[in-house]
N, C-alpha and C. Protein backbone atom coordinates (compact mmCIF):
# COMPACT_ATOMS: atom_id res chain seq x y z
N UNK A 1 89.31 90.11 134.23
CA UNK A 1 88.84 90.51 132.91
C UNK A 1 87.52 89.78 132.64
N UNK A 2 86.53 90.48 132.18
CA UNK A 2 85.25 89.87 131.87
C UNK A 2 85.41 88.85 130.75
N UNK A 3 84.61 87.77 130.75
CA UNK A 3 84.75 86.74 129.71
C UNK A 3 84.58 87.30 128.31
N UNK A 4 83.63 88.23 128.09
CA UNK A 4 83.43 88.72 126.72
C UNK A 4 84.58 89.63 126.29
N UNK A 5 85.22 90.34 127.23
CA UNK A 5 86.41 91.13 126.88
C UNK A 5 87.49 90.21 126.34
N UNK A 6 87.72 89.14 127.07
CA UNK A 6 88.74 88.18 126.65
C UNK A 6 88.38 87.58 125.30
N UNK A 7 87.10 87.27 125.11
CA UNK A 7 86.67 86.67 123.83
C UNK A 7 86.90 87.64 122.67
N UNK A 8 86.62 88.93 122.89
CA UNK A 8 86.82 89.91 121.81
C UNK A 8 88.30 90.08 121.52
N UNK A 9 89.12 90.17 122.55
CA UNK A 9 90.56 90.29 122.34
C UNK A 9 91.08 89.07 121.60
N UNK A 10 90.63 87.89 122.00
CA UNK A 10 91.03 86.66 121.32
C UNK A 10 90.59 86.69 119.86
N UNK A 11 89.37 87.14 119.61
CA UNK A 11 88.86 87.22 118.24
C UNK A 11 89.72 88.15 117.40
N UNK A 12 89.97 89.35 117.90
CA UNK A 12 90.72 90.33 117.12
C UNK A 12 92.13 89.83 116.85
N UNK A 13 92.76 89.23 117.86
CA UNK A 13 94.12 88.73 117.64
C UNK A 13 94.13 87.53 116.71
N UNK A 14 93.07 86.74 116.72
CA UNK A 14 93.04 85.57 115.84
C UNK A 14 92.75 85.95 114.39
N UNK A 15 92.27 87.16 114.16
CA UNK A 15 91.96 87.56 112.79
C UNK A 15 93.21 87.59 111.91
N UNK A 16 94.38 87.67 112.52
CA UNK A 16 95.60 87.67 111.72
C UNK A 16 95.76 86.33 110.99
N UNK A 17 95.08 85.31 111.44
CA UNK A 17 95.15 84.01 110.77
C UNK A 17 94.24 83.97 109.55
N UNK A 18 93.33 84.92 109.42
CA UNK A 18 92.42 84.98 108.29
C UNK A 18 92.81 86.17 107.42
N UNK A 19 93.51 85.93 106.30
CA UNK A 19 93.96 87.06 105.48
C UNK A 19 92.83 87.99 105.08
N UNK A 20 91.63 87.48 104.86
CA UNK A 20 90.52 88.32 104.44
C UNK A 20 90.05 89.23 105.57
N UNK A 21 90.46 88.95 106.80
CA UNK A 21 89.97 89.71 107.94
C UNK A 21 91.06 90.49 108.65
N UNK A 22 92.26 90.50 108.12
CA UNK A 22 93.35 91.17 108.81
C UNK A 22 93.08 92.66 108.97
N UNK A 23 93.50 93.16 110.11
CA UNK A 23 93.38 94.59 110.37
C UNK A 23 94.46 95.33 109.60
N UNK A 24 94.13 96.53 109.18
CA UNK A 24 95.07 97.40 108.50
C UNK A 24 95.20 98.67 109.31
N UNK A 25 96.26 99.42 109.03
CA UNK A 25 96.52 100.65 109.75
C UNK A 25 96.67 101.78 108.75
N UNK A 26 96.06 102.92 109.07
CA UNK A 26 96.18 104.12 108.25
C UNK A 26 96.64 105.25 109.18
N UNK A 27 97.71 105.93 108.80
CA UNK A 27 98.18 107.07 109.58
C UNK A 27 97.40 108.31 109.19
N UNK A 28 96.88 109.00 110.19
CA UNK A 28 96.07 110.20 109.98
C UNK A 28 96.55 111.26 110.96
N UNK A 29 97.45 112.10 110.50
CA UNK A 29 98.03 113.10 111.41
C UNK A 29 98.70 112.39 112.56
N UNK A 30 98.41 112.78 113.80
CA UNK A 30 99.05 112.15 114.95
C UNK A 30 98.33 110.86 115.40
N UNK A 31 97.45 110.33 114.57
CA UNK A 31 96.65 109.17 114.93
C UNK A 31 96.97 107.98 114.03
N UNK A 32 96.75 106.79 114.59
CA UNK A 32 96.75 105.57 113.81
C UNK A 32 95.31 105.06 113.81
N UNK A 33 94.76 104.85 112.62
CA UNK A 33 93.41 104.30 112.49
C UNK A 33 93.56 102.83 112.12
N UNK A 34 93.11 101.96 113.01
CA UNK A 34 93.15 100.52 112.77
C UNK A 34 91.76 100.10 112.31
N UNK A 35 91.68 99.38 111.21
CA UNK A 35 90.37 98.97 110.71
C UNK A 35 90.43 97.56 110.17
N UNK A 36 89.32 96.88 110.30
CA UNK A 36 89.15 95.55 109.72
C UNK A 36 87.70 95.37 109.35
N UNK A 37 87.48 94.54 108.36
CA UNK A 37 86.13 94.18 107.94
C UNK A 37 86.14 92.67 107.73
N UNK A 38 85.14 91.99 108.28
CA UNK A 38 85.14 90.53 108.21
C UNK A 38 83.71 90.01 108.27
N UNK A 39 83.55 88.75 107.88
CA UNK A 39 82.25 88.11 107.90
C UNK A 39 81.83 87.89 109.36
N UNK A 40 80.57 88.16 109.66
CA UNK A 40 80.09 88.07 111.05
C UNK A 40 80.13 86.65 111.59
N UNK A 41 80.19 85.65 110.71
CA UNK A 41 80.24 84.26 111.17
C UNK A 41 81.59 83.93 111.80
N UNK A 42 82.60 84.82 111.68
CA UNK A 42 83.86 84.62 112.39
C UNK A 42 83.68 84.80 113.89
N UNK A 43 82.62 85.50 114.29
CA UNK A 43 82.35 85.73 115.71
C UNK A 43 81.65 84.53 116.31
N UNK A 44 81.95 84.24 117.56
CA UNK A 44 81.19 83.21 118.26
C UNK A 44 79.80 83.76 118.56
N UNK A 45 78.81 82.92 118.75
CA UNK A 45 77.48 83.42 119.10
C UNK A 45 77.48 84.27 120.37
N UNK A 46 78.32 83.94 121.34
CA UNK A 46 78.37 84.68 122.59
C UNK A 46 78.90 86.10 122.37
N UNK A 47 79.98 86.22 121.59
CA UNK A 47 80.55 87.54 121.33
C UNK A 47 79.57 88.37 120.51
N UNK A 48 78.95 87.78 119.51
CA UNK A 48 77.98 88.51 118.68
C UNK A 48 76.82 89.02 119.55
N UNK A 49 76.33 88.19 120.44
CA UNK A 49 75.23 88.61 121.31
C UNK A 49 75.65 89.75 122.23
N UNK A 50 76.85 89.68 122.77
CA UNK A 50 77.35 90.73 123.67
C UNK A 50 77.36 92.08 122.98
N UNK A 51 77.72 92.12 121.69
CA UNK A 51 77.85 93.38 120.98
C UNK A 51 76.67 93.66 120.05
N UNK A 52 75.59 92.89 120.23
CA UNK A 52 74.36 93.09 119.45
C UNK A 52 74.64 93.03 117.95
N UNK A 53 75.43 92.04 117.55
CA UNK A 53 75.77 91.82 116.15
C UNK A 53 74.99 90.61 115.65
N UNK A 54 74.36 90.75 114.52
CA UNK A 54 73.63 89.64 113.93
C UNK A 54 74.59 88.76 113.15
N UNK A 55 74.76 87.53 113.60
CA UNK A 55 75.59 86.57 112.87
C UNK A 55 74.78 86.04 111.69
N UNK A 56 75.34 86.14 110.51
CA UNK A 56 74.66 85.68 109.31
C UNK A 56 75.70 85.48 108.22
N UNK A 57 75.42 84.57 107.32
CA UNK A 57 76.30 84.37 106.16
C UNK A 57 76.34 85.61 105.28
N UNK A 58 75.39 86.53 105.48
CA UNK A 58 75.26 87.71 104.63
C UNK A 58 75.53 89.02 105.37
N UNK A 59 76.13 88.95 106.56
CA UNK A 59 76.44 90.15 107.35
C UNK A 59 77.93 90.25 107.57
N UNK A 60 78.46 91.44 107.34
CA UNK A 60 79.85 91.72 107.65
C UNK A 60 79.93 92.67 108.83
N UNK A 61 81.10 92.72 109.44
CA UNK A 61 81.36 93.60 110.57
C UNK A 61 82.54 94.50 110.22
N UNK A 62 82.41 95.78 110.48
CA UNK A 62 83.51 96.72 110.32
C UNK A 62 83.90 97.16 111.72
N UNK A 63 85.19 97.06 112.03
CA UNK A 63 85.72 97.39 113.35
C UNK A 63 86.80 98.45 113.16
N UNK A 64 86.65 99.59 113.84
CA UNK A 64 87.59 100.71 113.74
C UNK A 64 88.06 101.07 115.15
N UNK A 65 89.36 101.30 115.30
CA UNK A 65 89.87 101.90 116.53
C UNK A 65 90.90 102.95 116.14
N UNK A 66 91.01 103.98 116.97
CA UNK A 66 91.90 105.10 116.69
C UNK A 66 92.81 105.28 117.89
N UNK A 67 94.12 105.30 117.63
CA UNK A 67 95.12 105.46 118.68
C UNK A 67 95.87 106.77 118.49
N UNK A 68 96.13 107.45 119.60
CA UNK A 68 96.87 108.72 119.57
C UNK A 68 98.35 108.40 119.76
N UNK A 69 99.15 108.60 118.73
CA UNK A 69 100.57 108.26 118.79
C UNK A 69 101.36 109.19 119.72
N UNK A 70 100.79 110.34 120.04
CA UNK A 70 101.47 111.28 120.94
C UNK A 70 101.39 110.85 122.39
N UNK A 71 100.46 109.97 122.69
CA UNK A 71 100.25 109.56 124.09
C UNK A 71 100.55 108.08 124.30
N UNK A 72 101.51 107.56 123.53
CA UNK A 72 101.84 106.14 123.69
C UNK A 72 100.80 105.22 123.12
N UNK A 73 100.12 105.66 122.08
CA UNK A 73 99.09 104.87 121.39
C UNK A 73 97.88 104.56 122.27
N UNK A 74 97.45 105.54 123.04
CA UNK A 74 96.24 105.36 123.82
C UNK A 74 95.01 105.46 122.92
N UNK A 75 93.97 104.66 123.20
CA UNK A 75 92.74 104.76 122.42
C UNK A 75 92.13 106.15 122.53
N UNK A 76 91.50 106.58 121.45
CA UNK A 76 90.95 107.93 121.36
C UNK A 76 89.49 107.87 120.93
N UNK A 77 88.66 108.67 121.58
CA UNK A 77 87.27 108.79 121.16
C UNK A 77 87.22 109.74 119.97
N UNK A 78 86.51 109.32 118.92
CA UNK A 78 86.38 110.11 117.70
C UNK A 78 84.94 110.02 117.21
N UNK A 79 84.66 110.74 116.16
CA UNK A 79 83.38 110.59 115.46
C UNK A 79 83.70 110.01 114.09
N UNK A 80 82.95 108.99 113.71
CA UNK A 80 83.18 108.35 112.41
C UNK A 80 81.91 108.45 111.58
N UNK A 81 82.06 109.01 110.39
CA UNK A 81 80.95 109.05 109.43
C UNK A 81 81.46 108.45 108.13
N UNK A 82 80.54 108.05 107.30
CA UNK A 82 80.97 107.53 106.01
C UNK A 82 79.95 106.60 105.40
N UNK A 83 80.38 105.99 104.32
CA UNK A 83 79.51 105.05 103.62
C UNK A 83 80.34 103.99 102.92
N UNK A 84 79.62 103.00 102.42
CA UNK A 84 80.22 101.92 101.65
C UNK A 84 79.47 101.86 100.32
N UNK A 85 80.22 101.69 99.25
CA UNK A 85 79.61 101.61 97.93
C UNK A 85 80.11 100.34 97.25
N UNK A 86 79.15 99.54 96.72
CA UNK A 86 79.58 98.35 96.01
C UNK A 86 79.99 98.72 94.57
N UNK A 87 80.43 97.74 93.81
CA UNK A 87 80.99 98.01 92.49
C UNK A 87 79.95 98.47 91.45
N UNK A 88 78.66 98.23 91.74
CA UNK A 88 77.64 98.73 90.80
C UNK A 88 77.05 100.06 91.27
N UNK A 89 77.61 100.62 92.34
CA UNK A 89 77.23 101.96 92.76
C UNK A 89 76.20 102.04 93.87
N UNK A 90 75.74 100.88 94.40
CA UNK A 90 74.79 100.92 95.52
C UNK A 90 75.48 101.46 96.76
N UNK A 91 74.94 102.53 97.32
CA UNK A 91 75.55 103.22 98.45
C UNK A 91 74.86 102.80 99.76
N UNK A 92 75.66 102.49 100.77
CA UNK A 92 75.15 102.10 102.08
C UNK A 92 75.72 103.07 103.12
N UNK A 93 74.88 103.93 103.74
CA UNK A 93 75.39 104.80 104.80
C UNK A 93 75.76 103.96 106.02
N UNK A 94 76.81 104.37 106.71
CA UNK A 94 77.29 103.64 107.88
C UNK A 94 77.05 104.46 109.14
N UNK A 95 76.66 103.77 110.20
CA UNK A 95 76.38 104.41 111.49
C UNK A 95 77.09 103.59 112.57
N UNK A 96 78.30 103.98 112.91
CA UNK A 96 79.12 103.21 113.84
C UNK A 96 78.65 103.37 115.27
N UNK A 97 78.73 102.26 116.02
CA UNK A 97 78.38 102.24 117.44
C UNK A 97 79.68 102.24 118.24
N UNK A 98 79.81 103.18 119.17
CA UNK A 98 81.00 103.25 120.01
C UNK A 98 80.91 102.21 121.11
N UNK A 99 82.02 101.51 121.34
CA UNK A 99 82.11 100.52 122.40
C UNK A 99 83.30 100.90 123.28
N UNK A 100 83.06 100.97 124.61
CA UNK A 100 84.13 101.26 125.56
C UNK A 100 84.23 100.09 126.52
N UNK A 101 85.45 99.63 126.69
CA UNK A 101 85.73 98.56 127.66
C UNK A 101 87.02 98.93 128.36
N UNK A 102 86.92 99.41 129.58
CA UNK A 102 88.11 99.89 130.26
C UNK A 102 88.68 101.07 129.49
N UNK A 103 89.95 100.99 129.13
CA UNK A 103 90.57 102.06 128.34
C UNK A 103 90.33 101.89 126.84
N UNK A 104 89.90 100.72 126.43
CA UNK A 104 89.70 100.45 125.00
C UNK A 104 88.47 101.19 124.48
N UNK A 105 88.60 101.76 123.29
CA UNK A 105 87.49 102.41 122.60
C UNK A 105 87.55 101.95 121.15
N UNK A 106 86.45 101.43 120.65
CA UNK A 106 86.39 101.04 119.25
C UNK A 106 84.98 101.22 118.74
N UNK A 107 84.84 101.12 117.43
CA UNK A 107 83.59 101.43 116.75
C UNK A 107 83.22 100.27 115.86
N UNK A 108 81.95 99.84 115.96
CA UNK A 108 81.47 98.69 115.20
C UNK A 108 80.29 99.09 114.32
N UNK A 109 80.20 98.46 113.17
CA UNK A 109 79.07 98.62 112.26
C UNK A 109 78.90 97.32 111.48
N UNK A 110 77.69 97.07 111.03
CA UNK A 110 77.40 95.88 110.23
C UNK A 110 77.00 96.30 108.82
N UNK A 111 77.23 95.38 107.88
CA UNK A 111 76.84 95.62 106.51
C UNK A 111 76.35 94.31 105.89
N UNK A 112 75.26 94.40 105.13
CA UNK A 112 74.73 93.24 104.40
C UNK A 112 75.46 93.13 103.07
N UNK A 113 75.68 91.90 102.63
CA UNK A 113 76.38 91.69 101.37
C UNK A 113 75.90 90.42 100.68
N UNK A 114 76.24 90.29 99.41
CA UNK A 114 76.03 89.07 98.63
C UNK A 114 77.38 88.39 98.47
N UNK A 115 77.37 87.14 98.03
CA UNK A 115 78.62 86.42 97.85
C UNK A 115 79.55 87.14 96.87
N UNK A 116 80.78 87.29 97.27
CA UNK A 116 81.84 87.93 96.48
C UNK A 116 81.53 89.39 96.16
N UNK A 117 80.77 90.05 97.03
CA UNK A 117 80.47 91.46 96.83
C UNK A 117 81.60 92.31 97.42
N UNK A 118 82.07 93.26 96.64
CA UNK A 118 83.15 94.14 97.05
C UNK A 118 82.59 95.52 97.38
N UNK A 119 83.04 96.06 98.50
CA UNK A 119 82.64 97.40 98.91
C UNK A 119 83.88 98.29 99.03
N UNK A 120 83.71 99.55 98.63
CA UNK A 120 84.72 100.58 98.87
C UNK A 120 84.18 101.42 100.03
N UNK A 121 84.93 101.43 101.12
CA UNK A 121 84.56 102.17 102.31
C UNK A 121 85.23 103.53 102.28
N UNK A 122 84.44 104.59 102.45
CA UNK A 122 84.96 105.96 102.55
C UNK A 122 84.49 106.51 103.88
N UNK A 123 85.45 106.73 104.77
CA UNK A 123 85.15 107.18 106.12
C UNK A 123 85.82 108.52 106.38
N UNK A 124 85.24 109.25 107.31
CA UNK A 124 85.86 110.46 107.82
C UNK A 124 85.96 110.31 109.33
N UNK A 125 87.19 110.41 109.84
CA UNK A 125 87.46 110.28 111.25
C UNK A 125 87.65 111.70 111.79
N UNK A 126 86.75 112.13 112.67
CA UNK A 126 86.82 113.49 113.21
C UNK A 126 87.41 113.44 114.62
N UNK A 127 88.52 114.17 114.78
CA UNK A 127 89.23 114.26 116.06
C UNK A 127 89.25 115.73 116.48
N UNK A 128 89.74 116.03 117.67
CA UNK A 128 89.86 117.45 118.06
C UNK A 128 90.76 118.25 117.12
N UNK A 129 91.71 117.59 116.45
CA UNK A 129 92.64 118.29 115.56
C UNK A 129 92.11 118.47 114.15
N UNK A 130 91.06 117.75 113.79
CA UNK A 130 90.55 117.86 112.43
C UNK A 130 89.92 116.56 111.96
N UNK A 131 89.58 116.54 110.69
CA UNK A 131 88.93 115.39 110.08
C UNK A 131 89.90 114.74 109.09
N UNK A 132 89.99 113.42 109.16
CA UNK A 132 90.91 112.67 108.32
C UNK A 132 90.14 111.64 107.50
N UNK A 133 90.39 111.56 106.20
CA UNK A 133 89.73 110.56 105.38
C UNK A 133 90.45 109.21 105.49
N UNK A 134 89.67 108.15 105.48
CA UNK A 134 90.20 106.79 105.46
C UNK A 134 89.39 106.01 104.44
N UNK A 135 90.07 105.38 103.50
CA UNK A 135 89.39 104.59 102.47
C UNK A 135 90.02 103.21 102.40
N UNK A 136 89.17 102.21 102.20
CA UNK A 136 89.66 100.86 101.98
C UNK A 136 88.59 100.05 101.26
N UNK A 137 88.99 98.90 100.72
CA UNK A 137 88.07 98.01 100.02
C UNK A 137 88.06 96.66 100.71
N UNK A 138 86.93 95.98 100.60
CA UNK A 138 86.80 94.64 101.16
C UNK A 138 85.85 93.83 100.31
N UNK A 139 86.26 92.61 99.99
CA UNK A 139 85.41 91.66 99.29
C UNK A 139 84.91 90.65 100.33
N UNK A 140 83.58 90.51 100.40
CA UNK A 140 82.96 89.59 101.36
C UNK A 140 82.53 88.31 100.65
N UNK A 141 82.57 87.23 101.40
CA UNK A 141 82.19 85.92 100.88
C UNK A 141 81.12 85.31 101.77
N UNK A 142 80.15 84.65 101.17
CA UNK A 142 79.15 83.91 101.92
C UNK A 142 79.82 82.59 102.32
N UNK A 143 79.83 82.31 103.62
CA UNK A 143 80.47 81.07 104.07
C UNK A 143 79.51 80.21 104.86
């Protein structure tokens, strides 16, 4: 296993120790959409560099993966569109980057924020069977 693969797996599994960064699951038809949003400073400099993520006290990371429950929860390639809107209505379009590592497929995006800024994420996950909406909120903190 490549060192950065192990580092990313370690990072994602360690996020369960950070309540603000825990992954959530949304059922969308025959798919499970796993998503998390966290401060980029949770990443080590090596992992951030590998995935071209800017580590900053003011940058968050959104991580999405989609599993097909019909095939034993295998990762699925999808198209993700959407935006994030803060509480005063500022809209930020999102452009997710697909990452493939072996069988794993996930999607990453970054977002700038201010201390204690809350965003409502509205995403559309497009699969061969159709498009599914996914919405969640996240409050980011400058650390």
